[in-house]
Amino acid sequence: MTARTAPTDRRVDRVVAKVDIGPTPMSDRSALIIPPGDDSWTDPFLLMGEERVNQPGFEWHPHRGMETVTLVLDGALEHGDSMGNTGVLGSGDVQWMTAGRGVIHREVAARAEHAHVIQMWLNLPSRQKSVPTGYQDLRAGGHAVHTEPGVLVQVISGEAGAVRGPAVNHWPILGMVITLDPRAEYRQVLDGSERSFAYVIAGCLTVAGRTVRAGQIAWSDPVSRQGDPTTLALSARDADEQTKVMLFSGRPIGETVVAHGPFVMNSQAEIVQAYRDFHSGKFGSVPRHTRLPAGG
């Protein structure tokens, strides 16, 4: 019998503040949390943005070769796609969309209201870029929950404590939203081969000893080979209010990324083919009835 290796404490390699873009034609306010284009520093996470969606929102547009994870912080987000799916996501709901081989979809504020959302794009390895398109609507009440004194962990994907999140992944991803009471502490076990980030939605905390404030993202790069356990320590610093943080982790895919607009592939030729397939109708067509009933 061999002794189990004690988890290694992780460090924070960099802390980056989100970049406010301001109002856009699609939303009242837009910000980039993970800007696109620095794939070697963020792999397997491609980009992440924060939006306060009003009207018209993000009307019909295509995707291929990646997944999106959308967290609704407040309001109601209506979605629809070229396969005929429609629905409304409310506060705390998460949608995990696999664009795969191709989809046309839309995201707008439901019933002409508003939606405060965070959306992240996840890369897929080349062998899985053409998987079937699919949706997972992960309702707030259906998230797996792990609790410790002063800590609530809502697990979206992967494992925390003794619970597993409901998301089904093409590429293994750990994802959760953690709420910490003032002065509360929490340690999350992570695979040493994974790249992790903690994005502070509200409040202030220390991540592996580094101070991270609301609107900042702390990155922890891979530290060892796959299977070696590591821990990331979080400690809420705000004495007056709860701290809320997104914690995600995944092993880098390590492939060339060629992205153009809504398509994420491995070569320019594949991007050209994606546009050709989209314009020839292989992604499906926009449904005639594009909005839910006013009371839906």
Protein backbone atom coordinates (compact mmCIF):
# COMPACT_ATOMS: atom_id res chain seq x y z
CA MET A 1 0.00 0.00 0.00
CA THR A 2 1.33 3.45 -0.94
CA ALA A 3 0.67 6.69 0.92
CA ARG A 4 -1.74 9.09 -0.75
CA THR A 5 -0.02 12.24 -1.97
CA ALA A 6 -1.09 15.34 -0.01
CA PRO A 7 -2.69 17.99 -2.24
CA THR A 8 -0.40 20.79 -3.33
CA ASP A 9 -1.51 24.35 -2.61
CA ARG A 10 -2.11 26.27 -5.81
CA ARG A 11 -0.95 29.79 -6.50
CA VAL A 12 -2.51 32.62 -8.49
CA ASP A 13 -0.45 33.41 -11.58
CA ARG A 14 -2.23 36.63 -12.59
CA VAL A 15 -5.21 38.82 -11.67
CA VAL A 16 -6.94 40.67 -14.49
CA ALA A 17 -9.75 43.22 -14.30
CA LYS A 18 -12.69 43.01 -16.66
CA VAL A 19 -12.78 45.62 -19.43
CA ASP A 20 -15.95 47.69 -19.61
CA ILE A 21 -17.03 48.33 -23.20
CA GLY A 22 -20.13 50.35 -22.36
CA PRO A 23 -23.43 50.30 -24.24
CA THR A 24 -23.66 48.36 -27.49
CA PRO A 25 -26.49 47.90 -30.01
CA MET A 26 -27.29 44.57 -28.26
CA SER A 27 -27.10 45.53 -24.58
CA ASP A 28 -27.19 48.44 -22.17
CA ARG A 29 -23.72 47.58 -20.91
CA SER A 30 -21.09 45.11 -22.04
CA ALA A 31 -17.78 43.97 -20.53
CA LEU A 32 -15.06 41.47 -21.41
CA ILE A 33 -13.91 39.27 -18.54
CA ILE A 34 -11.85 36.89 -20.69
CA PRO A 35 -10.90 38.69 -23.92
CA PRO A 36 -10.52 36.47 -26.99
CA GLY A 37 -7.20 35.80 -28.66
CA ASP A 38 -4.96 34.82 -25.72
CA ASP A 39 -5.67 31.11 -26.04
CA SER A 40 -2.32 29.93 -24.67
CA TRP A 41 -3.11 31.77 -21.42
CA THR A 42 -6.77 30.74 -21.11
CA ASP A 43 -7.12 27.30 -22.83
CA PRO A 44 -9.69 25.63 -22.69
CA PHE A 45 -11.65 28.83 -21.97
CA LEU A 46 -11.97 31.01 -25.08
CA LEU A 47 -13.73 34.15 -23.88
CA MET A 48 -16.19 35.37 -21.26
CA GLY A 49 -18.38 38.44 -21.34
CA GLU A 50 -20.88 40.15 -19.07
CA GLU A 51 -23.98 41.68 -20.62
CA ARG A 52 -26.99 43.66 -19.47
CA VAL A 53 -29.26 42.65 -22.32
CA ASN A 54 -32.28 44.75 -23.25
CA GLN A 55 -33.71 45.12 -26.75
CA PRO A 56 -33.01 43.97 -29.39
CA GLY A 57 -30.51 41.65 -27.69
CA PHE A 58 -28.49 39.11 -29.65
CA GLU A 59 -30.66 38.26 -32.63
CA TRP A 60 -30.18 35.25 -34.88
CA HIS A 61 -26.54 34.25 -35.32
CA PRO A 62 -24.68 30.97 -35.96
CA HIS A 63 -22.07 29.01 -33.99
CA ARG A 64 -19.90 25.97 -34.69
CA GLY A 65 -17.06 24.11 -32.98
CA MET A 66 -17.51 25.27 -29.37
CA GLU A 67 -19.82 25.37 -26.37
CA THR A 68 -21.35 28.30 -24.50
CA VAL A 69 -22.13 28.45 -20.79
CA THR A 70 -24.60 31.20 -19.89
CA LEU A 71 -25.33 32.18 -16.28
CA VAL A 72 -28.30 34.48 -15.64
CA LEU A 73 -27.52 36.76 -12.69
CA ASP A 74 -30.78 38.72 -12.82
CA GLY A 75 -33.80 39.17 -15.07
CA ALA A 76 -35.06 36.80 -17.76
CA LEU A 77 -33.27 35.66 -20.92
CA GLU A 78 -35.31 34.24 -23.79
CA HIS A 79 -33.62 31.90 -26.24
CA GLY A 80 -34.54 30.09 -29.43
CA ASP A 81 -32.75 28.13 -32.15
CA SER A 82 -32.93 26.71 -35.65
CA MET A 83 -34.04 23.34 -34.25
CA GLY A 84 -37.24 24.88 -32.92
CA ASN A 85 -36.24 25.05 -29.24
CA THR A 86 -37.43 28.02 -27.20
CA GLY A 87 -37.39 28.89 -23.51
CA VAL A 88 -36.74 31.45 -20.80
CA LEU A 89 -33.89 31.34 -18.29
CA GLY A 90 -34.35 33.08 -14.94
CA SER A 91 -32.09 34.26 -12.17
CA GLY A 92 -29.58 31.55 -11.19
CA ASP A 93 -30.32 29.39 -14.23
CA VAL A 94 -27.49 28.15 -16.43
CA GLN A 95 -27.61 27.07 -20.06
CA TRP A 96 -24.89 24.80 -21.43
CA MET A 97 -25.15 24.88 -25.23
CA THR A 98 -23.12 22.62 -27.49
CA ALA A 99 -22.90 24.30 -30.87
CA GLY A 100 -21.00 21.33 -32.28
CA ARG A 101 -21.62 20.89 -36.00
CA GLY A 102 -23.69 24.07 -36.21
CA VAL A 103 -26.70 25.97 -34.89
CA ILE A 104 -28.43 29.30 -35.39
CA HIS A 105 -29.78 30.81 -32.20
CA ARG A 106 -30.86 34.02 -30.48
CA GLU A 107 -30.73 35.44 -26.95
CA VAL A 108 -32.90 38.39 -25.97
CA ALA A 109 -34.43 39.91 -22.87
CA ALA A 110 -37.76 38.16 -22.30
CA ARG A 111 -40.97 40.19 -22.49
CA ALA A 112 -39.07 43.40 -23.30
CA GLU A 113 -37.52 43.39 -19.82
CA HIS A 114 -33.81 42.91 -19.11
CA ALA A 115 -31.30 40.15 -18.47
CA HIS A 116 -27.98 40.47 -16.65
CA VAL A 117 -25.88 37.54 -17.85
CA ILE A 118 -22.37 36.14 -17.97
CA GLN A 119 -21.54 33.98 -20.98
CA MET A 120 -18.39 31.92 -21.47
CA TRP A 121 -17.19 30.16 -24.61
CA LEU A 122 -15.52 26.77 -24.14
CA ASN A 123 -13.32 25.17 -26.76
CA LEU A 124 -13.85 21.63 -28.02
CA PRO A 125 -11.05 19.32 -29.20
CA SER A 126 -10.86 18.78 -32.96
CA ARG A 127 -12.38 15.30 -32.76
CA GLN A 128 -15.51 16.72 -31.10
CA LYS A 129 -16.12 19.92 -33.05
CA SER A 130 -18.77 18.21 -35.17
CA VAL A 131 -20.74 16.55 -32.37
CA PRO A 132 -24.54 17.01 -32.52
CA THR A 133 -25.91 20.33 -31.32
CA GLY A 134 -27.57 20.20 -27.92
CA TYR A 135 -28.84 22.22 -24.97
CA GLN A 136 -28.78 21.65 -21.25
CA ASP A 137 -31.00 24.07 -19.33
CA LEU A 138 -29.74 23.73 -15.76
CA ARG A 139 -32.31 25.35 -13.51
CA ALA A 140 -31.23 27.06 -10.30
CA GLY A 141 -33.16 24.60 -8.14
CA GLY A 142 -31.56 21.62 -9.87
CA HIS A 143 -27.91 22.43 -9.22
CA ALA A 144 -26.05 20.08 -6.94
CA VAL A 145 -25.32 21.80 -3.63
CA HIS A 146 -22.38 21.37 -1.26
CA THR A 147 -22.39 23.29 2.02
CA GLU A 148 -19.84 24.05 4.70
CA PRO A 149 -20.09 26.57 7.56
CA GLY A 150 -20.63 29.95 5.90
CA VAL A 151 -20.23 28.50 2.39
CA LEU A 152 -22.74 27.52 -0.30
CA VAL A 153 -21.35 25.78 -3.40
CA GLN A 154 -23.76 25.43 -6.33
CA VAL A 155 -22.13 22.84 -8.57
CA ILE A 156 -22.90 23.15 -12.28
CA SER A 157 -20.38 20.67 -13.65
CA GLY A 158 -17.90 18.26 -12.10
CA GLU A 159 -17.55 17.44 -8.40
CA ALA A 160 -17.31 19.40 -5.16
CA GLY A 161 -17.34 17.59 -1.85
CA ALA A 162 -19.58 14.56 -2.29
CA VAL A 163 -21.84 16.04 -4.99
CA ARG A 164 -21.68 16.14 -8.78
CA GLY A 165 -23.14 18.86 -10.98
CA PRO A 166 -25.84 18.05 -13.57
CA ALA A 167 -23.98 19.18 -16.71
CA VAL A 168 -22.82 16.51 -19.16
CA ASN A 169 -19.51 17.48 -20.78
CA HIS A 170 -17.76 16.73 -24.05
CA TRP A 171 -14.53 18.02 -22.45
CA PRO A 172 -14.25 17.61 -18.65
CA ILE A 173 -14.95 20.93 -16.92
CA LEU A 174 -15.42 21.75 -13.26
CA GLY A 175 -17.79 24.67 -12.79
CA MET A 176 -19.51 26.17 -9.76
CA VAL A 177 -20.82 29.35 -8.16
CA ILE A 178 -19.66 29.80 -4.57
CA THR A 179 -21.27 32.13 -2.03
CA LEU A 180 -19.22 32.88 1.09
CA ASP A 181 -20.39 34.65 4.22
CA PRO A 182 -18.10 37.36 5.63
CA ARG A 183 -14.77 35.86 6.76
CA ALA A 184 -15.73 32.37 5.55
CA GLU A 185 -13.10 30.12 3.96
CA TYR A 186 -13.30 27.33 1.40
CA ARG A 187 -10.79 25.01 -0.31
CA GLN A 188 -11.55 23.31 -3.62
CA VAL A 189 -9.64 20.23 -4.78
CA LEU A 190 -8.49 20.52 -8.40
CA ASP A 191 -6.56 18.28 -10.78
CA GLY A 192 -3.02 19.59 -11.04
CA SER A 193 -3.10 19.46 -14.86
CA GLU A 194 -6.03 21.86 -15.08
CA ARG A 195 -6.13 25.61 -15.65
CA SER A 196 -8.49 27.31 -13.21
CA PHE A 197 -10.00 30.72 -12.74
CA ALA A 198 -12.00 32.46 -10.03
CA TYR A 199 -14.13 35.42 -11.16
CA VAL A 200 -15.54 37.58 -8.38
CA ILE A 201 -19.13 38.57 -9.17
CA ALA A 202 -19.67 40.46 -5.91
CA GLY A 203 -17.64 41.19 -2.79
CA CYS A 204 -13.93 40.66 -2.21
CA LEU A 205 -11.84 37.63 -1.33
CA THR A 206 -8.35 36.24 -1.30
CA VAL A 207 -7.55 33.48 -3.76
CA ALA A 208 -4.41 31.58 -2.76
CA GLY A 209 -3.43 34.64 -0.74
CA ARG A 210 -4.00 37.18 -3.55
CA THR A 211 -6.69 39.84 -3.10
CA VAL A 212 -9.32 39.67 -5.83
CA ARG A 213 -12.17 42.20 -6.00
CA ALA A 214 -15.51 42.27 -7.79
CA GLY A 215 -14.92 42.47 -11.53
CA GLN A 216 -11.53 40.76 -11.35
CA ILE A 217 -10.52 37.27 -12.46
CA ALA A 218 -7.70 35.27 -10.86
CA TRP A 219 -5.96 32.63 -12.99
CA SER A 220 -4.15 29.53 -11.71
CA ASP A 221 -2.21 27.67 -14.40
CA PRO A 222 -1.49 23.91 -14.49
CA VAL A 223 1.13 22.86 -11.95
CA SER A 224 1.66 19.13 -12.45
CA ARG A 225 0.79 16.08 -14.50
CA GLN A 226 -2.77 14.81 -14.72
CA GLY A 227 -4.07 13.17 -11.57
CA ASP A 228 -2.00 15.03 -9.01
CA PRO A 229 -4.36 16.66 -6.48
CA THR A 230 -4.09 20.37 -5.74
CA THR A 231 -6.21 22.76 -3.69
CA LEU A 232 -7.25 26.35 -4.31
CA ALA A 233 -7.93 28.35 -1.14
CA LEU A 234 -10.66 31.01 -1.06
CA SER A 235 -11.26 33.36 1.86
CA ALA A 236 -13.94 36.07 1.95
CA ARG A 237 -12.56 39.42 3.05
CA ASP A 238 -15.67 41.60 3.01
CA ALA A 239 -16.98 41.95 6.56
CA ASP A 240 -20.36 43.42 5.59
CA GLU A 241 -21.74 41.35 2.71
CA GLN A 242 -21.54 37.96 1.08
CA THR A 243 -19.00 37.26 -1.63
CA LYS A 244 -20.04 35.45 -4.81
CA VAL A 245 -17.49 33.90 -7.13
CA MET A 246 -17.47 31.70 -10.25
CA LEU A 247 -14.85 28.95 -10.08
CA PHE A 248 -14.12 26.97 -13.26
CA SER A 249 -11.34 24.55 -14.09
CA GLY A 250 -10.38 22.43 -17.08
CA ARG A 251 -7.38 20.75 -18.67
CA PRO A 252 -5.93 22.71 -21.61
CA ILE A 253 -6.73 21.12 -24.98
CA GLY A 254 -3.46 22.26 -26.50
CA GLU A 255 -4.61 22.54 -30.11
CA THR A 256 -4.35 25.38 -32.60
CA VAL A 257 -7.36 27.69 -32.35
CA VAL A 258 -8.62 29.53 -35.42
CA ALA A 259 -11.64 31.66 -34.60
CA HIS A 260 -13.60 33.97 -36.86
CA GLY A 261 -16.79 35.61 -35.65
CA PRO A 262 -19.05 32.90 -34.22
CA PHE A 263 -16.98 29.92 -35.41
CA VAL A 264 -14.09 28.26 -33.53
CA MET A 265 -12.14 25.68 -35.51
CA ASN A 266 -8.56 24.40 -35.95
CA SER A 267 -7.73 25.80 -39.40
CA GLN A 268 -8.69 28.61 -41.76
CA ALA A 269 -10.02 26.03 -44.24
CA GLU A 270 -12.47 24.81 -41.58
CA ILE A 271 -13.63 28.39 -41.00
CA VAL A 272 -14.28 28.82 -44.72
CA GLN A 273 -16.24 25.54 -44.71
CA ALA A 274 -18.27 26.67 -41.70
CA TYR A 275 -19.38 29.83 -43.52
CA ARG A 276 -20.12 27.80 -46.64
CA ASP A 277 -22.26 25.32 -44.68
CA PHE A 278 -24.07 28.13 -42.85
CA HIS A 279 -24.95 30.01 -46.05
CA SER A 280 -26.05 26.81 -47.79
CA GLY A 281 -28.60 26.05 -45.06
CA LYS A 282 -26.85 23.17 -43.30
CA PHE A 283 -27.34 24.87 -39.92
CA GLY A 284 -31.11 24.86 -40.38
CA SER A 285 -33.39 27.84 -40.83
CA VAL A 286 -34.81 30.52 -38.56
CA PRO A 287 -38.29 29.52 -37.32
CA ARG A 288 -41.26 31.59 -38.48
CA HIS A 289 -42.42 32.17 -34.90
CA THR A 290 -39.40 33.73 -33.31
CA ARG A 291 -40.77 34.94 -29.98
CA LEU A 292 -42.59 33.32 -27.10
CA PRO A 293 -46.13 34.55 -26.33
CA ALA A 294 -46.19 37.69 -24.19
CA GLY A 295 -47.29 35.70 -21.16
CA GLY A 296 -44.84 32.80 -21.78
